[in-house]
Protein backbone atom coordinates (compact mmCIF):
# COMPACT_ATOMS: atom_id res chain seq x y z
CA UNK A 1 156.41 128.64 197.60
CA UNK A 2 159.50 126.45 198.01
CA UNK A 3 157.81 123.57 196.18
CA UNK A 4 156.73 125.88 193.33
CA UNK A 5 160.29 127.15 192.86
CA UNK A 6 161.67 123.60 193.07
CA UNK A 7 159.41 122.39 190.27
CA UNK A 8 160.15 125.55 188.22
CA UNK A 9 163.92 124.99 188.53
CA UNK A 10 163.55 121.32 187.64
CA UNK A 11 161.52 122.15 184.50
CA UNK A 12 164.02 124.83 183.49
CA UNK A 13 166.92 122.36 183.66
CA UNK A 14 164.99 119.64 181.88
CA UNK A 15 163.49 121.68 179.04
CA UNK A 16 166.35 123.99 178.16
CA UNK A 17 166.36 122.78 174.50
CA UNK A 18 162.68 123.70 174.10
CA UNK A 19 163.32 127.05 175.78
CA UNK A 20 166.25 127.79 173.45
CA UNK A 21 164.20 126.83 170.38
CA UNK A 22 161.37 129.15 171.43
CA UNK A 23 163.76 132.02 172.20
CA UNK A 24 165.62 131.51 168.91
CA UNK A 25 162.39 131.63 166.89
CA UNK A 26 161.29 134.76 168.75
CA UNK A 27 164.67 136.40 168.08
CA UNK A 28 164.49 135.65 164.35
CA UNK A 29 160.92 137.01 164.36
CA UNK A 30 162.14 140.30 165.87
CA UNK A 31 164.94 140.55 163.32
CA UNK A 32 163.02 139.83 160.13
CA UNK A 33 159.46 141.04 160.78
CA UNK A 34 160.27 144.76 160.21
CA UNK A 35 160.78 143.92 156.51
CA UNK A 36 156.97 143.72 156.31
CA UNK A 37 156.73 147.50 156.62
CA UNK A 38 160.22 148.74 155.69
CA UNK A 39 160.71 149.38 151.95
CA UNK A 40 163.73 147.98 150.17
CA UNK A 41 166.64 150.41 149.84
CA UNK A 42 167.59 149.23 146.36
CA UNK A 43 165.35 148.72 143.35
CA UNK A 44 167.73 146.21 141.84
CA UNK A 45 166.51 142.72 141.04
CA UNK A 46 168.79 140.95 143.52
CA UNK A 47 167.95 143.25 146.44
CA UNK A 48 164.24 143.05 145.63
CA UNK A 49 164.45 139.26 145.65
CA UNK A 50 166.23 139.31 149.01
CA UNK A 51 163.63 141.68 150.43
CA UNK A 52 160.79 139.47 149.16
CA UNK A 53 162.48 136.42 150.66
CA UNK A 54 162.78 138.14 154.04
CA UNK A 55 159.11 139.09 153.90
CA UNK A 56 158.17 135.46 153.25
CA UNK A 57 160.37 134.43 156.18
CA UNK A 58 158.64 137.03 158.36
CA UNK A 59 155.27 135.54 157.43
CA UNK A 60 156.56 132.10 158.32
CA UNK A 61 157.77 133.40 161.71
CA UNK A 62 154.22 134.52 162.54
CA UNK A 63 153.27 130.83 162.36
CA UNK A 64 156.43 129.42 163.95
CA UNK A 65 156.21 131.59 167.08
CA UNK A 66 152.88 130.10 168.28
CA UNK A 67 154.05 126.64 167.20
CA UNK A 68 157.05 127.02 169.52
CA UNK A 69 154.62 127.94 172.30
CA UNK A 70 152.63 124.80 171.57
CA UNK A 71 155.78 122.69 171.95
CA UNK A 72 156.78 124.49 175.14
CA UNK A 73 153.32 124.19 176.75
CA UNK A 74 152.86 120.54 175.83
CA UNK A 75 156.28 119.51 177.06
CA UNK A 76 156.11 121.27 180.41
CA UNK A 77 152.55 120.16 181.19
CA UNK A 78 153.23 116.55 180.17
CA UNK A 79 156.35 116.46 182.37
CA UNK A 80 153.92 115.60 185.17
CA UNK A 81 151.11 114.17 183.12
CA UNK A 82 147.73 114.14 184.82
CA UNK A 83 146.23 111.20 182.90
CA UNK A 84 146.76 107.72 184.34
CA UNK A 85 148.03 106.45 187.71
CA UNK A 86 151.53 105.10 187.02
CA UNK A 87 153.42 108.39 186.82
CA UNK A 88 156.59 108.67 188.89
CA UNK A 89 155.73 112.10 190.22
CA UNK A 90 152.71 110.73 192.11
CA UNK A 91 155.18 109.35 194.67
CA UNK A 92 156.46 112.88 195.33
CA UNK A 93 154.75 115.18 197.86
CA UNK A 94 153.49 117.47 195.09
CA UNK A 95 150.31 119.45 195.71
CA UNK A 96 148.18 119.78 192.62
CA UNK A 97 147.59 123.53 192.74
CA UNK A 98 151.25 124.24 193.56
CA UNK A 99 152.21 122.09 190.59
CA UNK A 100 149.90 124.22 188.42
CA UNK A 101 151.42 127.41 189.86
CA UNK A 102 154.92 126.17 188.94
CA UNK A 103 153.82 125.47 185.36
CA UNK A 104 152.29 128.95 185.08
CA UNK A 105 155.48 130.49 186.46
CA UNK A 106 157.47 128.59 183.81
CA UNK A 107 155.22 129.95 181.04
CA UNK A 108 155.41 133.46 182.48
CA UNK A 109 159.22 133.36 182.40
CA UNK A 110 159.79 131.66 179.05
CA UNK A 111 156.68 132.50 177.01
CA UNK A 112 155.06 135.71 178.20
CA UNK A 113 158.17 137.68 179.13
CA UNK A 114 160.08 137.01 175.85
CA UNK A 115 156.93 137.72 173.84
CA UNK A 116 156.29 141.00 175.68
CA UNK A 117 159.89 142.09 175.13
CA UNK A 118 159.62 141.14 171.46
CA UNK A 119 156.51 143.28 171.05
CA UNK A 120 158.20 146.25 172.72
CA UNK A 121 161.26 145.93 170.47
CA UNK A 122 159.07 145.73 167.35
CA UNK A 123 157.20 148.88 168.40
CA UNK A 124 160.52 150.70 168.86
CA UNK A 125 161.70 149.49 165.43
CA UNK A 126 158.43 150.74 163.91
CA UNK A 127 158.86 154.19 165.46
CA UNK A 128 156.50 153.94 168.45
CA UNK A 129 157.22 154.24 172.17
CA UNK A 130 156.09 151.05 174.00
CA UNK A 131 155.03 152.90 177.17
CA UNK A 132 152.50 154.90 175.14
CA UNK A 133 150.84 151.63 174.11
CA UNK A 134 151.20 149.64 177.32
CA UNK A 135 147.42 149.10 177.85
CA UNK A 136 147.15 147.73 174.30
CA UNK A 137 150.13 145.43 174.78
CA UNK A 138 148.65 144.02 177.99
CA UNK A 139 145.26 143.63 176.31
CA UNK A 140 146.88 141.68 173.48
CA UNK A 141 148.54 139.40 176.05
CA UNK A 142 145.09 138.80 177.51
CA UNK A 143 143.79 137.86 174.05
CA UNK A 144 146.78 135.55 173.46
CA UNK A 145 146.01 133.85 176.78
CA UNK A 146 142.32 133.46 176.05
CA UNK A 147 142.55 132.29 172.44
CA UNK A 148 145.78 130.30 172.49
CA UNK A 149 147.59 129.61 175.76
CA UNK A 150 144.62 128.65 177.96
CA UNK A 151 143.11 126.17 175.45
CA UNK A 152 146.53 124.54 174.91
CA UNK A 153 147.06 124.13 178.67
CA UNK A 154 143.59 122.58 178.98
CA UNK A 155 144.25 120.12 176.14
CA UNK A 156 147.67 119.18 177.53
CA UNK A 157 146.13 118.59 180.96
CA UNK A 158 143.62 116.03 179.64
CA UNK A 159 145.98 114.18 177.27
CA UNK A 160 148.77 111.81 178.18
CA UNK A 161 151.38 112.74 175.55
CA UNK A 162 152.36 115.20 172.86
CA UNK A 163 151.22 112.77 170.16
CA UNK A 164 147.72 112.42 171.66
CA UNK A 165 147.48 116.17 172.08
CA UNK A 166 148.46 116.63 168.42
CA UNK A 167 145.80 114.16 167.27
CA UNK A 168 143.23 115.99 169.39
CA UNK A 169 144.18 119.31 167.81
CA UNK A 170 143.96 117.81 164.33
CA UNK A 171 140.47 116.59 165.17
CA UNK A 172 139.51 120.09 166.34
CA UNK A 173 140.89 121.67 163.16
CA UNK A 174 138.99 119.13 161.05
CA UNK A 175 135.79 119.98 162.90
CA UNK A 176 136.37 123.70 162.35
CA UNK A 177 137.00 123.07 158.65
CA UNK A 178 133.70 121.20 158.37
CA UNK A 179 131.93 124.03 160.18
CA UNK A 180 133.49 126.58 157.82
CA UNK A 181 132.33 124.54 154.82
CA UNK A 182 128.85 124.44 156.31
CA UNK A 183 128.80 128.20 156.75
CA UNK A 184 130.03 128.82 153.20
CA UNK A 185 127.85 126.38 151.31
CA UNK A 186 124.69 126.00 153.37
CA UNK A 187 122.27 128.92 153.36
CA UNK A 188 122.35 130.45 156.82
CA UNK A 189 120.82 133.82 157.58
CA UNK A 190 121.63 135.91 160.62
CA UNK A 191 124.96 136.71 162.16
CA UNK A 192 126.83 136.85 165.42
CA UNK A 193 125.74 139.56 167.81
CA UNK A 194 128.13 141.00 170.42
CA UNK A 195 125.91 139.88 173.32
CA UNK A 196 125.82 136.32 172.08
CA UNK A 197 129.53 136.33 171.35
CA UNK A 198 130.30 137.77 174.78
CA UNK A 199 128.29 135.06 176.54
CA UNK A 200 129.92 132.32 174.44
CA UNK A 201 133.40 133.72 175.02
CA UNK A 202 132.86 134.03 178.79
CA UNK A 203 131.63 130.44 179.00
CA UNK A 204 134.58 129.31 176.88
CA UNK A 205 137.04 130.86 179.34
CA UNK A 206 135.15 129.50 182.36
CA UNK A 207 135.03 125.96 180.99
CA UNK A 208 138.72 125.95 180.00
CA UNK A 209 139.77 127.31 183.38
CA UNK A 210 137.49 124.88 185.22
CA UNK A 211 138.88 121.91 183.27
CA UNK A 212 142.46 122.88 184.19
CA UNK A 213 141.60 123.47 187.85
CA UNK A 214 139.62 120.22 188.15
CA UNK A 215 142.39 118.19 186.56
CA UNK A 216 145.14 119.61 188.77
CA UNK A 217 143.04 119.52 191.94
CA UNK A 218 141.40 116.09 191.56
CA UNK A 219 142.90 114.42 188.42
CA UNK A 220 139.37 113.35 187.42
CA UNK A 221 140.11 113.30 183.73
CA UNK A 222 136.57 112.28 182.75
CA UNK A 223 135.18 115.41 184.43
CA UNK A 224 137.78 117.70 182.87
CA UNK A 225 137.16 116.23 179.42
CA UNK A 226 133.42 116.63 179.88
CA UNK A 227 133.93 120.32 180.61
CA UNK A 228 135.96 120.73 177.40
CA UNK A 229 133.42 118.79 175.34
CA UNK A 230 130.77 121.17 176.68
CA UNK A 231 132.50 124.10 174.88
CA UNK A 232 131.26 123.36 171.33
CA UNK A 233 127.91 122.30 172.78
CA UNK A 234 127.44 125.69 174.46
CA UNK A 235 128.39 127.48 171.25
CA UNK A 236 125.64 125.62 169.41
CA UNK A 237 123.03 126.05 172.16
CA UNK A 238 123.68 129.78 172.51
CA UNK A 239 123.65 130.26 168.75
CA UNK A 240 120.26 128.56 168.48
CA UNK A 241 118.53 129.85 171.60
CA UNK A 242 119.65 133.49 171.79
CA UNK A 243 118.19 135.50 168.88
CA UNK A 244 120.05 138.40 167.31
CA UNK A 245 117.06 140.49 166.25
CA UNK A 246 116.60 141.80 169.79
CA UNK A 247 120.18 143.03 169.82
CA UNK A 248 119.70 144.74 166.45
CA UNK A 249 116.58 146.57 167.63
CA UNK A 250 118.31 147.73 170.81
CA UNK A 251 121.56 148.76 169.18
CA UNK A 252 119.93 150.26 166.08
CA UNK A 253 116.68 151.80 167.36
CA UNK A 254 113.91 152.78 164.94
CA UNK A 255 114.00 156.39 163.75
CA UNK A 256 111.92 157.92 166.55
CA UNK A 257 114.40 159.78 168.72
CA UNK A 258 117.43 158.18 167.09
CA UNK A 259 120.45 159.98 165.73
CA UNK A 260 120.47 160.58 162.01
CA UNK A 261 116.68 160.43 161.42
CA UNK A 262 116.99 163.19 158.82
CA UNK A 263 118.84 160.87 156.45
CA UNK A 264 116.84 159.49 153.53
CA UNK A 265 117.77 156.60 151.25
CA UNK A 266 116.85 156.90 147.56
CA UNK A 267 116.87 154.34 144.78
CA UNK A 268 119.31 155.90 142.33
CA UNK A 269 120.42 153.81 139.33
CA UNK A 270 123.86 154.81 138.08
CA UNK A 271 125.40 153.56 134.81
CA UNK A 272 128.77 153.31 136.54
CA UNK A 273 127.50 151.11 139.40
CA UNK A 274 126.61 147.47 138.80
CA UNK A 275 122.99 146.51 139.25
CA UNK A 276 121.78 142.95 138.94
CA UNK A 277 121.20 139.59 140.55
CA UNK A 278 123.92 137.07 141.26
CA UNK A 279 124.20 133.57 142.66
CA UNK A 280 125.73 133.19 146.11
CA UNK A 281 127.58 130.07 147.34
CA UNK A 282 125.28 127.12 147.84
CA UNK A 283 123.31 127.75 144.65
CA UNK A 284 119.91 128.25 146.30
CA UNK A 285 120.17 131.93 147.19
CA UNK A 286 120.28 135.01 144.99
CA UNK A 287 121.81 138.35 145.83
CA UNK A 288 120.09 141.50 144.63
CA UNK A 289 122.32 144.57 144.19
CA UNK A 290 120.34 147.80 144.64
CA UNK A 291 122.02 151.14 143.71
CA UNK A 292 121.14 153.74 146.33
CA UNK A 293 122.14 157.21 147.48
CA UNK A 294 121.70 159.01 150.79
CA UNK A 295 120.21 162.50 151.01
CA UNK A 296 119.64 164.91 153.87
CA UNK A 297 123.25 164.63 155.03
CA UNK A 298 125.54 167.53 155.77
CA UNK A 299 129.01 167.80 154.34
CA UNK A 300 131.28 165.51 156.35
CA UNK A 301 128.47 163.17 157.43
CA UNK A 302 128.72 159.47 156.72
CA UNK A 303 126.15 156.66 156.71
CA UNK A 304 127.45 153.08 157.07
CA UNK A 305 124.98 150.32 156.13
CA UNK A 306 125.71 147.25 158.25
CA UNK A 307 122.65 144.95 158.20
CA UNK A 308 119.53 144.71 156.08
CA UNK A 309 116.04 143.23 156.35
CA UNK A 310 113.84 142.85 153.25
CA UNK A 311 110.05 142.59 152.88
CA UNK A 312 108.54 141.80 149.45
CA UNK A 313 104.87 142.24 148.56
CA UNK A 314 103.64 140.80 145.25
CA UNK A 315 100.56 141.94 143.23
CA UNK A 316 98.87 138.57 143.83
CA UNK A 317 98.84 139.23 147.58
CA UNK A 318 101.69 136.90 148.48
CA UNK A 319 104.70 138.17 150.42
CA UNK A 320 108.12 137.20 151.71
CA UNK A 321 110.11 138.65 154.61
CA UNK A 322 113.71 138.03 155.55
CA UNK A 323 115.42 138.16 158.92
CA UNK A 324 118.31 140.53 159.47
CA UNK A 325 121.19 139.83 157.08
CA UNK A 326 124.73 141.19 157.17
CA UNK A 327 125.71 143.69 154.51
CA UNK A 328 128.88 142.16 153.09
CA UNK A 329 130.37 145.12 151.24
CA UNK A 330 131.86 148.49 152.03
CA UNK A 331 128.61 150.47 152.02
CA UNK A 332 129.84 153.85 153.19
CA UNK A 333 127.61 156.65 152.00
CA UNK A 334 129.04 160.17 152.15
CA UNK A 335 126.99 162.96 150.66
CA UNK A 336 126.28 162.67 146.91
CA UNK A 337 127.82 159.20 146.61
CA UNK A 338 126.20 156.05 145.22
CA UNK A 339 126.75 152.48 146.37
CA UNK A 340 125.03 149.16 145.87
CA UNK A 341 123.37 147.75 148.99
CA UNK A 342 122.63 144.04 148.55
CA UNK A 343 120.04 141.76 150.07
CA UNK A 344 119.59 138.02 149.54
CA UNK A 345 116.52 135.93 148.81
CA UNK A 346 116.01 132.18 148.25
CA UNK A 347 116.28 131.06 144.64
CA UNK A 348 112.69 129.81 144.72
CA UNK A 349 111.47 133.26 145.79
CA UNK A 350 113.51 134.89 143.03
CA UNK A 351 112.10 132.53 140.37
CA UNK A 352 108.55 133.14 141.61
CA UNK A 353 108.71 136.95 141.69
CA UNK A 354 111.21 137.85 138.96
CA UNK A 355 108.50 138.62 136.37
CA UNK A 356 106.28 140.68 138.73
CA UNK A 357 106.29 144.36 139.67
CA UNK A 358 106.95 144.24 143.41
CA UNK A 359 106.70 146.46 146.44
CA UNK A 360 109.99 146.06 148.31
CA UNK A 361 110.67 147.53 151.73
CA UNK A 362 114.30 147.48 152.85
CA UNK A 363 115.30 148.32 156.41
CA UNK A 364 118.98 148.97 157.08
CA UNK A 365 120.69 148.90 160.45
CA UNK A 366 123.01 151.83 159.89
CA UNK A 367 125.70 153.78 161.71
CA UNK A 368 126.04 157.55 161.49
CA UNK A 369 129.53 159.05 161.63
CA UNK A 370 130.98 162.49 161.18
CA UNK A 371 134.36 163.77 160.03
CA UNK A 372 136.32 165.08 163.00
CA UNK A 373 139.75 165.65 161.48
CA UNK A 374 140.96 166.31 157.94
CA UNK A 375 144.68 166.10 157.28
CA UNK A 376 145.99 167.44 153.96
CA UNK A 377 149.60 166.86 153.10
CA UNK A 378 151.95 166.56 150.17
CA UNK A 379 152.59 163.10 148.87
CA UNK A 380 155.22 161.78 151.30
CA UNK A 381 158.58 161.11 149.69
CA UNK A 382 159.87 159.54 152.92
CA UNK A 383 158.39 158.23 156.14
CA UNK A 384 156.17 160.82 157.83
CA UNK A 385 153.88 160.72 160.84
CA UNK A 386 150.19 161.24 160.02
CA UNK A 387 148.18 162.26 163.12
CA UNK A 388 145.99 159.47 164.53
CA UNK A 389 146.91 157.15 161.65
CA UNK A 390 150.56 156.25 162.07
CA UNK A 391 153.77 156.41 160.10
CA UNK A 392 153.27 156.44 156.32
CA UNK A 393 155.44 156.24 153.21
CA UNK A 394 154.80 156.09 149.47
CA UNK A 395 155.64 153.49 146.86
CA UNK A 396 155.21 154.34 143.16
CA UNK A 397 154.91 151.39 140.82
CA UNK A 398 154.57 152.23 137.09
CA UNK A 399 152.31 149.58 135.56
CA UNK A 400 152.39 150.63 131.91
CA UNK A 401 153.23 153.66 129.82
CA UNK A 402 149.96 155.39 130.78
CA UNK A 403 149.15 153.69 134.07
CA UNK A 404 150.53 154.17 137.52
CA UNK A 405 149.93 152.35 140.78
CA UNK A 406 150.61 154.35 143.92
CA UNK A 407 150.56 152.85 147.37
CA UNK A 408 150.70 154.75 150.64
CA UNK A 409 151.68 152.25 153.31
CA UNK A 410 150.84 153.19 156.88
CA UNK A 411 151.65 151.38 160.07
CA UNK A 412 149.97 151.87 163.42
CA UNK A 413 150.64 150.48 166.87
CA UNK A 414 148.61 147.73 168.55
CA UNK A 415 145.31 148.44 166.76
CA UNK A 416 144.09 149.76 163.45
CA UNK A 417 143.58 153.49 163.17
CA UNK A 418 140.14 155.20 163.25
CA UNK A 419 137.91 154.97 160.20
CA UNK A 420 139.61 157.06 157.53
CA UNK A 421 138.80 158.10 153.97
CA UNK A 422 141.61 159.05 151.65
CA UNK A 423 141.78 161.05 148.44
CA UNK A 424 144.59 162.25 146.18
CA UNK A 425 145.01 164.90 143.50
CA UNK A 426 146.38 163.61 140.21
CA UNK A 427 148.09 165.78 137.62
CA UNK A 428 147.22 165.91 133.91
CA UNK A 429 149.16 166.33 131.70
CA UNK A 430 152.13 164.65 133.32
CA UNK A 431 153.13 166.84 136.29
CA UNK A 432 151.52 169.87 134.65
CA UNK A 433 149.06 172.40 136.10
CA UNK A 434 145.96 170.89 137.74
CA UNK A 435 142.66 170.98 135.82
CA UNK A 436 140.21 173.76 136.57
CA UNK A 437 137.57 171.23 137.71
CA UNK A 438 138.83 169.64 140.96
CA UNK A 439 136.53 166.64 140.53
CA UNK A 440 138.57 165.67 137.47
CA UNK A 441 141.78 165.45 139.47
CA UNK A 442 140.67 163.65 142.63
CA UNK A 443 140.59 159.90 143.15
CA UNK A 444 139.25 158.57 146.41
CA UNK A 445 140.85 155.41 147.74
CA UNK A 446 138.04 154.06 149.81
CA UNK A 447 138.03 153.42 153.50
CA UNK A 448 140.55 152.05 155.97
CA UNK A 449 140.35 151.59 159.73
CA UNK A 450 137.38 150.96 162.01
CA UNK A 451 134.64 153.09 163.54
CA UNK A 452 134.81 150.97 166.70
CA UNK A 453 138.28 150.02 167.86
CA UNK A 454 139.28 147.69 170.70
CA UNK A 455 142.32 148.54 172.85
CA UNK A 456 144.34 146.12 170.71
CA UNK A 457 143.98 143.62 167.90
CA UNK A 458 144.72 139.96 168.46
CA UNK A 459 148.02 139.19 166.80
CA UNK A 460 151.62 138.10 167.14
CA UNK A 461 152.91 141.44 165.90
CA UNK A 462 151.96 144.72 167.63
CA UNK A 463 152.47 146.66 164.39
CA UNK A 464 149.40 146.89 162.14
CA UNK A 465 150.12 147.66 158.48
CA UNK A 466 147.58 148.91 155.99
CA UNK A 467 147.85 150.22 152.43
CA UNK A 468 145.98 153.07 150.78
CA UNK A 469 145.92 152.23 147.07
CA UNK A 470 145.68 154.62 144.11
CA UNK A 471 145.58 153.76 140.44
CA UNK A 472 145.09 156.23 137.63
CA UNK A 473 143.13 153.67 135.57
CA UNK A 474 140.22 154.48 137.91
CA UNK A 475 139.85 157.68 135.88
CA UNK A 476 138.75 155.77 132.74
CA UNK A 477 135.15 157.03 132.98
CA UNK A 478 136.20 160.66 133.43
CA UNK A 479 137.27 163.30 130.91
CA UNK A 480 140.84 163.35 132.20
CA UNK A 481 143.11 160.85 130.48
CA UNK A 482 146.39 159.44 131.65
CA UNK A 483 146.65 161.31 134.96
CA UNK A 484 149.81 160.90 136.99
CA UNK A 485 150.96 161.24 140.58
CA UNK A 486 153.65 163.88 140.87
CA UNK A 487 155.84 165.20 143.67
CA UNK A 488 153.84 167.68 145.69
CA UNK A 489 150.49 166.06 144.91
CA UNK A 490 148.03 166.58 147.73
CA UNK A 491 146.80 163.65 149.77
CA UNK A 492 143.82 164.17 152.09
CA UNK A 493 142.90 161.90 155.01
CA UNK A 494 139.48 162.44 156.63
CA UNK A 495 138.87 160.66 159.93
CA UNK A 496 135.43 159.85 161.28
CA UNK A 497 133.94 159.24 164.71
CA UNK A 498 130.72 157.52 165.74
CA UNK A 499 127.62 159.76 166.07
CA UNK A 500 124.84 157.22 166.57
CA UNK A 501 123.07 154.15 165.25
CA UNK A 502 119.58 153.86 163.84
CA UNK A 503 117.38 152.07 161.28
CA UNK A 504 116.97 153.62 157.85
CA UNK A 505 114.29 152.49 155.36
CA UNK A 506 114.02 152.39 151.60
CA UNK A 507 110.75 151.73 149.73
CA UNK A 508 110.81 150.48 146.14
CA UNK A 509 107.53 150.56 144.22
CA UNK A 510 106.97 148.63 140.98
CA UNK A 511 110.40 147.14 141.48
CA UNK A 512 111.39 144.26 139.21
CA UNK A 513 114.05 141.82 140.27
CA UNK A 514 117.01 142.23 137.89
CA UNK A 515 118.22 139.51 135.56
CA UNK A 516 120.96 137.15 136.70
CA UNK A 517 124.47 138.12 135.74
CA UNK A 518 126.30 135.52 133.73
CA UNK A 519 129.09 133.47 135.30
CA UNK A 520 129.28 135.55 138.45
CA UNK A 521 129.53 134.08 141.91
CA UNK A 522 130.31 136.17 144.96
CA UNK A 523 131.79 134.97 148.17
CA UNK A 524 129.86 136.45 151.09
CA UNK A 525 132.69 138.06 152.91
CA UNK A 526 133.15 141.52 154.32
CA UNK A 527 136.20 143.58 153.49
């Protein structure tokens, strides 16, 4: 223990400038980040400009904080570099594992402790009590360690200087950019399953930890580097060798004995919902948007379409079948609501079958949820606490003489709130009596939150902000014209919990593939 404390004290004296830089950046982050969720107190141009500038600075701090950690980690690890045999510290009676313990103690004191205090102070500033969210804060520290600190320690341990470590990181970022380009522009079906991701993540942690331990215990840099090189190799091997269809069938069992088997999907064209074919990135796949509606659901039930598998049978006897594909849109189906549920086929298949009447069988991996809490409240004129969502406030932004944009900004602690649907009552004429037909005065604002929520989200800030958006131009297709949001308007938040998961089918007979939409390209990305 004496040797560990000696090395810790030596590093503290030597790297006080780096420590001060990191603490200063963290302090500025604490001071300016609340502007992300706090509205400006003055609508004047100068104050608005100042507020916008502080928000940009807060965004920059989110990047600068981990960059200061990078500097701190690299400097303290390279103080006794483990690569080479001419280092002065090799003449000292340092034990490798005690040296590692001293470095970890340094990071605990000057990285983890300031960051934990910063998160607690931000929670207090946002209106939350840190002790109520202690498990989430600790879980986020675990994520920070796994995704950021541990890999940086491993890279510093196998490089001889800050410059070489920087070049290595640039090479990694370049490789990730190439991989992202491959994913975006090369047709790839399938997706990541939790089992596969869990195995990959566990091996990632094991290999990083093993590389650090090997380097400090033996200084066999070739072995430590081999362990790190094995990380992308194992990602590729696991992605190729472990299929995801087995996980889908286990997680989303076929209808027999599954929850929600009473739900039926129906092909239901709607003039207000787009239906057609569109080109997806890469140019050799076509997305088919199918308008559907769910029946057999009780009031308050919800069907979430998450993955789809398509089987096409042509009159000439030929057929085509896809593997499971992700559903990239918000496909949340409450009772009596229509959505478009897309599937993708190769361009050659589309060109071959587009003139034929087809038999199409779609199988959706779907999640059943049910409303467990409905909160109705007047439009908040100041910050109010909404149960199980967070602290919310309203911003009204007139967009034109007959248009209004209303934003309800909510902030939650550590993780996003449960899956929530919001709706608001508009007034027409301006702040007059509500129409006799409630459907003419209600605008839903879609879905926010998640049906499955981890103890915490990975992030530098423990405060999660989310906006519920309203705009009266959404009423264009309805009889009501120029509705407005008035003081006292009712806002309703309905929260949902998981009921079960199953597979739901849809059969389309004599289905013709729709014509391609002109000049439309969609990025395959969930939101």
